[in-house]
């Protein structure tokens, strides 16, 4: 084949052109959807359960169209907008960092034992294939911490 990259590897220049990345993680909990929602809708608590977040400020109440700023643990300051808010069920926030758009869809559903919590993350823009795994690396730990905190509420 003559190229410098092995045939089974995708060259880095191709990965950097990848414009989309998707990730999903689900956990179950004995907490109720309301217990989970109480933590999600309180942006002041986000840094306590999400290791990627250092600080969050929001303008107005936790509702569709509300905007704010998130300071990530890396020191990056990123604006966000709540695109969807369905109390005690779902919220989707859009975070913009340069040319990248990160959408994080948080959903909680009632189960017989408590709740199922799912986070779906999409990253769109140049280099999404490389950035996506970094953005989602802490998701399992964040969800485990979130549900542990929610379980202590009831």
N, C-alpha and C. Protein backbone atom coordinates (compact mmCIF):
# COMPACT_ATOMS: atom_id res chain seq x y z
N UNK A 1 0.82 -1.20 0.00
CA UNK A 1 0.00 0.00 0.00
C UNK A 1 0.85 1.24 0.00
N UNK A 2 2.03 1.21 0.40
CA UNK A 2 2.96 2.31 0.21
C UNK A 2 2.83 3.48 1.16
N UNK A 3 1.73 3.64 1.92
CA UNK A 3 1.59 4.76 2.84
C UNK A 3 2.35 4.51 4.12
N UNK A 4 2.58 5.53 4.89
CA UNK A 4 3.31 5.39 6.14
C UNK A 4 2.43 4.88 7.28
N UNK A 5 1.10 4.99 7.14
CA UNK A 5 0.18 4.51 8.16
C UNK A 5 -0.16 3.05 7.90
N UNK A 6 -0.22 2.21 8.93
CA UNK A 6 -0.65 0.82 8.74
C UNK A 6 -2.06 0.80 8.16
N UNK A 7 -2.38 -0.22 7.39
CA UNK A 7 -3.68 -0.31 6.71
C UNK A 7 -4.84 -0.34 7.69
N UNK A 8 -4.66 -0.86 8.90
CA UNK A 8 -5.75 -0.99 9.86
C UNK A 8 -5.98 0.28 10.69
N UNK A 9 -5.14 1.25 10.60
CA UNK A 9 -5.29 2.50 11.37
C UNK A 9 -5.81 3.61 10.50
N UNK A 10 -6.65 4.45 11.10
CA UNK A 10 -7.13 5.63 10.40
C UNK A 10 -6.13 6.74 10.66
N UNK A 11 -5.56 7.32 9.60
CA UNK A 11 -4.57 8.39 9.80
C UNK A 11 -5.14 9.54 10.63
N UNK A 12 -4.28 10.14 11.46
CA UNK A 12 -4.71 11.23 12.33
C UNK A 12 -5.36 12.36 11.55
N UNK A 13 -4.85 12.67 10.37
CA UNK A 13 -5.44 13.78 9.61
C UNK A 13 -6.89 13.47 9.23
N UNK A 14 -7.23 12.21 9.05
CA UNK A 14 -8.62 11.82 8.76
C UNK A 14 -9.46 11.95 10.03
N UNK A 15 -8.94 11.46 11.19
CA UNK A 15 -9.68 11.55 12.45
C UNK A 15 -9.97 13.00 12.79
N UNK A 16 -9.03 13.90 12.54
CA UNK A 16 -9.25 15.31 12.85
C UNK A 16 -10.36 15.91 12.01
N UNK A 17 -10.58 15.35 10.85
CA UNK A 17 -11.66 15.84 9.98
C UNK A 17 -13.01 15.30 10.41
N UNK A 18 -13.02 14.29 11.27
CA UNK A 18 -14.27 13.71 11.74
C UNK A 18 -15.09 14.81 12.39
N UNK A 19 -16.30 15.00 11.93
CA UNK A 19 -17.10 16.14 12.36
C UNK A 19 -18.16 15.79 13.40
N UNK A 20 -18.25 14.51 13.81
CA UNK A 20 -19.29 14.14 14.75
C UNK A 20 -18.84 13.00 15.65
N UNK A 21 -19.30 13.04 16.89
CA UNK A 21 -19.00 12.01 17.88
C UNK A 21 -20.24 11.83 18.73
N UNK A 22 -20.57 10.59 19.09
CA UNK A 22 -21.72 10.31 19.95
C UNK A 22 -21.33 9.34 21.04
N UNK A 23 -21.93 9.54 22.22
CA UNK A 23 -21.65 8.69 23.38
C UNK A 23 -22.91 8.62 24.24
N UNK A 24 -23.15 7.47 24.85
CA UNK A 24 -24.31 7.32 25.74
C UNK A 24 -23.91 6.45 26.93
N UNK A 25 -24.40 6.82 28.12
CA UNK A 25 -24.15 6.03 29.32
C UNK A 25 -25.41 6.06 30.19
N UNK A 26 -25.77 4.89 30.74
CA UNK A 26 -26.97 4.77 31.57
C UNK A 26 -26.62 4.10 32.89
N UNK A 27 -27.23 4.59 33.96
CA UNK A 27 -27.12 3.96 35.28
C UNK A 27 -28.52 3.84 35.87
N UNK A 28 -28.67 2.94 36.82
CA UNK A 28 -29.94 2.81 37.54
C UNK A 28 -29.71 3.23 38.99
N UNK A 29 -30.80 3.61 39.63
CA UNK A 29 -30.71 4.10 41.00
C UNK A 29 -32.01 3.80 41.75
N UNK A 30 -31.91 3.77 43.06
CA UNK A 30 -33.12 3.65 43.89
C UNK A 30 -33.73 5.02 44.14
N UNK A 31 -33.05 6.06 43.77
CA UNK A 31 -33.58 7.42 43.91
C UNK A 31 -34.74 7.63 42.94
N UNK A 32 -35.58 8.58 43.25
CA UNK A 32 -36.70 8.91 42.36
C UNK A 32 -36.22 9.89 41.29
N UNK A 33 -36.98 10.00 40.20
CA UNK A 33 -36.64 11.04 39.21
C UNK A 33 -36.61 12.43 39.84
N UNK A 34 -37.47 12.70 40.80
CA UNK A 34 -37.48 14.02 41.46
C UNK A 34 -36.18 14.27 42.22
N UNK A 35 -35.63 13.21 42.85
CA UNK A 35 -34.36 13.35 43.56
C UNK A 35 -33.23 13.70 42.60
N UNK A 36 -33.21 13.03 41.45
CA UNK A 36 -32.19 13.31 40.43
C UNK A 36 -32.39 14.72 39.89
N UNK A 37 -33.64 15.07 39.59
CA UNK A 37 -33.95 16.37 39.02
C UNK A 37 -33.54 17.51 39.96
N UNK A 38 -33.70 17.30 41.25
CA UNK A 38 -33.33 18.35 42.22
C UNK A 38 -31.85 18.71 42.08
N UNK A 39 -31.01 17.72 41.80
CA UNK A 39 -29.58 18.00 41.61
C UNK A 39 -29.30 18.59 40.23
N UNK A 40 -29.94 18.05 39.21
CA UNK A 40 -29.74 18.57 37.85
C UNK A 40 -30.17 20.02 37.73
N UNK A 41 -31.30 20.36 38.29
CA UNK A 41 -31.86 21.71 38.10
C UNK A 41 -31.20 22.75 38.99
N UNK A 42 -30.31 22.33 39.88
CA UNK A 42 -29.56 23.24 40.74
C UNK A 42 -28.14 23.33 40.20
N UNK A 43 -27.89 24.28 39.30
CA UNK A 43 -26.58 24.36 38.65
C UNK A 43 -25.45 24.58 39.66
N UNK A 44 -25.77 25.11 40.82
CA UNK A 44 -24.77 25.29 41.86
C UNK A 44 -24.23 23.98 42.42
N UNK A 45 -24.95 22.87 42.17
CA UNK A 45 -24.49 21.56 42.65
C UNK A 45 -23.71 20.78 41.61
N UNK A 46 -23.67 21.24 40.37
CA UNK A 46 -23.05 20.46 39.29
C UNK A 46 -21.61 20.09 39.60
N UNK A 47 -20.86 21.02 40.18
CA UNK A 47 -19.45 20.73 40.46
C UNK A 47 -19.29 19.64 41.52
N UNK A 48 -20.32 19.39 42.30
CA UNK A 48 -20.24 18.36 43.35
C UNK A 48 -20.37 16.95 42.79
N UNK A 49 -21.07 16.80 41.67
CA UNK A 49 -21.23 15.46 41.11
C UNK A 49 -20.54 15.26 39.76
N UNK A 50 -20.13 16.33 39.09
CA UNK A 50 -19.46 16.20 37.80
C UNK A 50 -18.02 16.69 37.91
N UNK A 51 -17.05 15.77 37.86
CA UNK A 51 -15.65 16.18 38.03
C UNK A 51 -15.13 17.07 36.91
N UNK A 52 -15.83 17.15 35.79
CA UNK A 52 -15.39 18.00 34.68
C UNK A 52 -15.78 19.47 34.89
N UNK A 53 -16.63 19.73 35.88
CA UNK A 53 -17.17 21.07 36.09
C UNK A 53 -16.59 21.68 37.37
N UNK A 54 -16.12 22.91 37.22
CA UNK A 54 -15.61 23.64 38.38
C UNK A 54 -16.64 24.63 38.92
N UNK A 55 -17.34 25.30 38.02
CA UNK A 55 -18.29 26.34 38.43
C UNK A 55 -19.30 26.57 37.31
N UNK A 56 -20.55 26.89 37.68
CA UNK A 56 -21.59 27.18 36.70
C UNK A 56 -22.39 28.39 37.17
N UNK A 57 -22.67 29.28 36.24
CA UNK A 57 -23.54 30.42 36.51
C UNK A 57 -24.60 30.45 35.42
N UNK A 58 -25.85 30.69 35.81
CA UNK A 58 -26.96 30.72 34.85
C UNK A 58 -27.71 32.03 35.03
N UNK A 59 -28.19 32.55 33.92
CA UNK A 59 -28.99 33.78 33.94
C UNK A 59 -30.45 33.37 34.01
N UNK A 60 -31.12 33.75 35.09
CA UNK A 60 -32.53 33.42 35.23
C UNK A 60 -32.73 32.03 35.81
N UNK A 61 -33.93 31.50 35.57
CA UNK A 61 -34.27 30.19 36.14
C UNK A 61 -33.88 29.05 35.20
N UNK A 62 -33.94 27.84 35.69
CA UNK A 62 -33.57 26.65 34.94
C UNK A 62 -34.73 26.29 34.01
N UNK A 63 -34.72 26.88 32.82
CA UNK A 63 -35.79 26.65 31.85
C UNK A 63 -35.25 26.78 30.44
N UNK A 64 -36.06 26.35 29.48
CA UNK A 64 -35.65 26.42 28.08
C UNK A 64 -35.23 27.83 27.71
N UNK A 65 -34.10 27.93 27.03
CA UNK A 65 -33.58 29.21 26.58
C UNK A 65 -32.65 29.89 27.57
N UNK A 66 -32.62 29.40 28.81
CA UNK A 66 -31.72 30.00 29.80
C UNK A 66 -30.27 29.80 29.35
N UNK A 67 -29.47 30.81 29.57
CA UNK A 67 -28.06 30.76 29.16
C UNK A 67 -27.18 30.97 30.38
N UNK A 68 -25.96 30.50 30.25
CA UNK A 68 -25.02 30.67 31.34
C UNK A 68 -23.61 30.40 30.88
N UNK A 69 -22.73 30.30 31.87
CA UNK A 69 -21.33 30.04 31.62
C UNK A 69 -20.87 28.91 32.53
N UNK A 70 -20.11 28.00 31.97
CA UNK A 70 -19.57 26.88 32.70
C UNK A 70 -18.04 26.99 32.69
N UNK A 71 -17.44 26.88 33.86
CA UNK A 71 -15.98 26.82 33.94
C UNK A 71 -15.63 25.36 34.17
N UNK A 72 -14.91 24.79 33.23
CA UNK A 72 -14.54 23.39 33.31
C UNK A 72 -13.31 23.21 34.18
N UNK A 73 -13.08 22.00 34.66
CA UNK A 73 -11.93 21.75 35.54
C UNK A 73 -10.61 22.03 34.84
N UNK A 74 -10.62 22.03 33.51
CA UNK A 74 -9.41 22.37 32.74
C UNK A 74 -9.15 23.87 32.71
N UNK A 75 -10.10 24.66 33.25
CA UNK A 75 -9.96 26.11 33.24
C UNK A 75 -10.66 26.77 32.07
N UNK A 76 -11.14 25.98 31.12
CA UNK A 76 -11.85 26.53 29.96
C UNK A 76 -13.20 27.06 30.41
N UNK A 77 -13.52 28.27 29.96
CA UNK A 77 -14.81 28.88 30.24
C UNK A 77 -15.66 28.76 28.99
N UNK A 78 -16.84 28.15 29.12
CA UNK A 78 -17.67 27.89 27.95
C UNK A 78 -19.11 28.33 28.18
N UNK A 79 -19.67 29.05 27.21
CA UNK A 79 -21.08 29.42 27.31
C UNK A 79 -21.96 28.19 27.05
N UNK A 80 -23.14 28.18 27.69
CA UNK A 80 -24.09 27.11 27.42
C UNK A 80 -25.50 27.67 27.38
N UNK A 81 -26.38 26.91 26.73
CA UNK A 81 -27.80 27.25 26.62
C UNK A 81 -28.60 25.99 26.91
N UNK A 82 -29.67 26.13 27.68
CA UNK A 82 -30.57 25.00 27.91
C UNK A 82 -31.56 24.97 26.74
N UNK A 83 -31.40 23.99 25.86
CA UNK A 83 -32.25 23.92 24.67
C UNK A 83 -33.58 23.23 24.94
N UNK A 84 -33.57 22.24 25.83
CA UNK A 84 -34.79 21.51 26.20
C UNK A 84 -34.80 21.37 27.71
N UNK A 85 -35.95 21.66 28.33
CA UNK A 85 -36.12 21.42 29.75
C UNK A 85 -37.52 20.85 29.96
N UNK A 86 -37.58 19.61 30.43
CA UNK A 86 -38.82 18.93 30.78
C UNK A 86 -38.68 18.51 32.24
N UNK A 87 -39.24 19.32 33.16
CA UNK A 87 -39.03 19.09 34.60
C UNK A 87 -39.26 17.63 35.02
N UNK A 88 -38.32 17.16 35.85
CA UNK A 88 -38.31 15.80 36.39
C UNK A 88 -38.18 14.72 35.33
N UNK A 89 -37.75 15.10 34.11
CA UNK A 89 -37.62 14.11 33.05
C UNK A 89 -36.37 14.30 32.19
N UNK A 90 -36.11 15.55 31.75
CA UNK A 90 -35.05 15.73 30.76
C UNK A 90 -34.59 17.18 30.67
N UNK A 91 -33.30 17.35 30.42
CA UNK A 91 -32.80 18.64 29.95
C UNK A 91 -31.65 18.39 29.00
N UNK A 92 -31.53 19.28 28.03
CA UNK A 92 -30.45 19.21 27.05
C UNK A 92 -29.74 20.54 27.04
N UNK A 93 -28.44 20.51 27.33
CA UNK A 93 -27.66 21.74 27.28
C UNK A 93 -26.70 21.70 26.11
N UNK A 94 -26.53 22.86 25.50
CA UNK A 94 -25.60 23.02 24.37
C UNK A 94 -24.45 23.89 24.85
N UNK A 95 -23.24 23.34 24.75
CA UNK A 95 -22.02 24.04 25.16
C UNK A 95 -21.22 24.31 23.89
N UNK A 96 -20.76 25.55 23.73
CA UNK A 96 -19.98 25.91 22.56
C UNK A 96 -18.56 26.27 22.99
N UNK A 97 -17.59 25.58 22.37
CA UNK A 97 -16.17 25.85 22.64
C UNK A 97 -15.50 26.00 21.27
N UNK A 98 -15.23 27.24 20.90
CA UNK A 98 -14.65 27.48 19.57
C UNK A 98 -15.61 27.01 18.49
N UNK A 99 -15.10 26.17 17.58
CA UNK A 99 -15.92 25.64 16.50
C UNK A 99 -16.67 24.37 16.89
N UNK A 100 -16.48 23.91 18.11
CA UNK A 100 -17.14 22.69 18.56
C UNK A 100 -18.44 22.99 19.28
N UNK A 101 -19.44 22.17 19.02
CA UNK A 101 -20.72 22.26 19.71
C UNK A 101 -20.96 20.93 20.41
N UNK A 102 -21.11 20.99 21.72
CA UNK A 102 -21.34 19.80 22.53
C UNK A 102 -22.77 19.87 23.06
N UNK A 103 -23.55 18.84 22.77
CA UNK A 103 -24.91 18.76 23.30
C UNK A 103 -24.95 17.57 24.26
N UNK A 104 -25.43 17.84 25.47
CA UNK A 104 -25.53 16.79 26.48
C UNK A 104 -26.99 16.68 26.87
N UNK A 105 -27.56 15.52 26.53
CA UNK A 105 -28.97 15.25 26.77
C UNK A 105 -29.08 14.37 28.01
N UNK A 106 -29.66 14.91 29.07
CA UNK A 106 -29.81 14.24 30.36
C UNK A 106 -31.26 13.77 30.48
N UNK A 107 -31.47 12.48 30.70
CA UNK A 107 -32.82 11.96 30.83
C UNK A 107 -32.93 11.06 32.05
N UNK A 108 -34.05 11.18 32.75
CA UNK A 108 -34.33 10.31 33.89
C UNK A 108 -35.74 9.76 33.71
N UNK A 109 -35.87 8.45 33.90
CA UNK A 109 -37.16 7.77 33.75
C UNK A 109 -37.43 6.95 35.01
N UNK A 110 -38.68 6.97 35.44
CA UNK A 110 -39.07 6.19 36.60
C UNK A 110 -39.05 4.70 36.27
N UNK A 111 -38.58 3.90 37.22
CA UNK A 111 -38.61 2.44 37.11
C UNK A 111 -39.24 1.90 38.39
N UNK A 112 -39.50 0.60 38.42
CA UNK A 112 -40.09 -0.02 39.62
C UNK A 112 -39.16 0.13 40.83
N UNK A 113 -37.86 0.15 40.59
CA UNK A 113 -36.88 0.24 41.68
C UNK A 113 -36.46 1.67 42.00
N UNK A 114 -36.81 2.62 41.16
CA UNK A 114 -36.39 4.01 41.35
C UNK A 114 -36.35 4.75 40.04
N UNK A 115 -35.15 4.78 39.41
CA UNK A 115 -35.02 5.53 38.16
C UNK A 115 -33.87 5.00 37.32
N UNK A 116 -33.97 5.29 36.04
CA UNK A 116 -32.90 5.03 35.08
C UNK A 116 -32.44 6.39 34.59
N UNK A 117 -31.15 6.62 34.66
CA UNK A 117 -30.57 7.91 34.28
C UNK A 117 -29.66 7.70 33.08
N UNK A 118 -29.92 8.44 32.01
CA UNK A 118 -29.14 8.32 30.78
C UNK A 118 -28.60 9.67 30.36
N UNK A 119 -27.35 9.69 29.96
CA UNK A 119 -26.75 10.89 29.38
C UNK A 119 -26.25 10.53 27.99
N UNK A 120 -26.70 11.30 26.99
CA UNK A 120 -26.25 11.14 25.61
C UNK A 120 -25.50 12.41 25.23
N UNK A 121 -24.28 12.23 24.76
CA UNK A 121 -23.45 13.37 24.39
C UNK A 121 -23.14 13.30 22.90
N UNK A 122 -23.33 14.43 22.22
CA UNK A 122 -22.88 14.54 20.83
C UNK A 122 -21.93 15.72 20.75
N UNK A 123 -20.88 15.53 19.97
CA UNK A 123 -19.90 16.58 19.73
C UNK A 123 -19.85 16.77 18.22
N UNK A 124 -20.05 18.00 17.77
CA UNK A 124 -20.02 18.31 16.34
C UNK A 124 -19.02 19.41 16.07
N UNK A 125 -18.27 19.25 14.99
CA UNK A 125 -17.30 20.25 14.58
C UNK A 125 -15.96 19.61 14.28
N UNK A 126 -15.02 20.42 13.82
CA UNK A 126 -13.69 19.91 13.47
C UNK A 126 -13.01 19.24 14.66
N UNK A 127 -12.55 18.02 14.47
CA UNK A 127 -11.86 17.30 15.53
C UNK A 127 -12.76 16.63 16.54
N UNK A 128 -14.05 16.55 16.26
CA UNK A 128 -14.99 15.95 17.20
C UNK A 128 -14.59 14.52 17.58
N UNK A 129 -14.03 13.78 16.63
CA UNK A 129 -13.62 12.41 16.90
C UNK A 129 -12.51 12.31 17.92
N UNK A 130 -11.67 13.33 18.04
CA UNK A 130 -10.61 13.35 19.03
C UNK A 130 -11.08 13.97 20.34
N UNK A 131 -11.90 15.00 20.26
CA UNK A 131 -12.35 15.72 21.45
C UNK A 131 -13.44 14.96 22.20
N UNK A 132 -14.32 14.28 21.47
CA UNK A 132 -15.44 13.57 22.08
C UNK A 132 -15.05 12.64 23.22
N UNK A 133 -14.06 11.76 23.02
CA UNK A 133 -13.67 10.88 24.13
C UNK A 133 -13.15 11.62 25.36
N UNK A 134 -12.52 12.77 25.15
CA UNK A 134 -12.06 13.57 26.29
C UNK A 134 -13.25 14.19 27.02
N UNK A 135 -14.23 14.67 26.27
CA UNK A 135 -15.42 15.30 26.85
C UNK A 135 -16.21 14.31 27.69
N UNK A 136 -16.29 13.07 27.24
CA UNK A 136 -17.13 12.07 27.90
C UNK A 136 -16.39 11.16 28.87
N UNK A 137 -15.10 11.35 29.04
CA UNK A 137 -14.30 10.45 29.88
C UNK A 137 -14.82 10.35 31.31
N UNK A 138 -15.30 11.45 31.88
CA UNK A 138 -15.76 11.45 33.27
C UNK A 138 -17.24 11.11 33.43
N UNK A 139 -17.95 10.85 32.33
CA UNK A 139 -19.39 10.62 32.41
C UNK A 139 -19.76 9.48 33.35
N UNK A 140 -19.15 8.30 33.27
CA UNK A 140 -19.54 7.24 34.21
C UNK A 140 -19.37 7.64 35.67
N UNK A 141 -18.25 8.27 35.99
CA UNK A 141 -18.02 8.70 37.38
C UNK A 141 -19.02 9.79 37.79
N UNK A 142 -19.32 10.71 36.88
CA UNK A 142 -20.28 11.77 37.18
C UNK A 142 -21.66 11.18 37.48
N UNK A 143 -22.09 10.22 36.68
CA UNK A 143 -23.41 9.63 36.91
C UNK A 143 -23.45 8.82 38.20
N UNK A 144 -22.39 8.09 38.50
CA UNK A 144 -22.35 7.33 39.76
C UNK A 144 -22.41 8.27 40.96
N UNK A 145 -21.70 9.38 40.90
CA UNK A 145 -21.72 10.36 41.99
C UNK A 145 -23.09 11.01 42.08
N UNK A 146 -23.67 11.36 40.93
CA UNK A 146 -25.01 11.97 40.91
C UNK A 146 -26.03 11.07 41.58
N UNK A 147 -26.08 9.80 41.19
CA UNK A 147 -27.11 8.92 41.75
C UNK A 147 -26.85 8.64 43.24
N UNK A 148 -25.58 8.58 43.64
CA UNK A 148 -25.28 8.40 45.08
C UNK A 148 -25.81 9.59 45.87
N UNK A 149 -25.62 10.79 45.35
CA UNK A 149 -26.14 11.99 46.02
C UNK A 149 -27.66 11.99 46.02
N UNK A 150 -28.27 11.59 44.92
CA UNK A 150 -29.73 11.56 44.82
C UNK A 150 -30.32 10.54 45.81
N UNK A 151 -29.63 9.40 45.96
CA UNK A 151 -30.12 8.36 46.88
C UNK A 151 -30.10 8.84 48.33
N UNK A 152 -29.18 9.74 48.67
CA UNK A 152 -29.11 10.28 50.03
C UNK A 152 -30.24 11.29 50.29
N UNK A 153 -30.88 11.77 49.23
CA UNK A 153 -31.95 12.77 49.38
C UNK A 153 -33.24 12.14 49.87
N UNK A 154 -33.47 10.85 49.58
CA UNK A 154 -34.78 10.28 49.95
C UNK A 154 -34.69 9.33 51.13
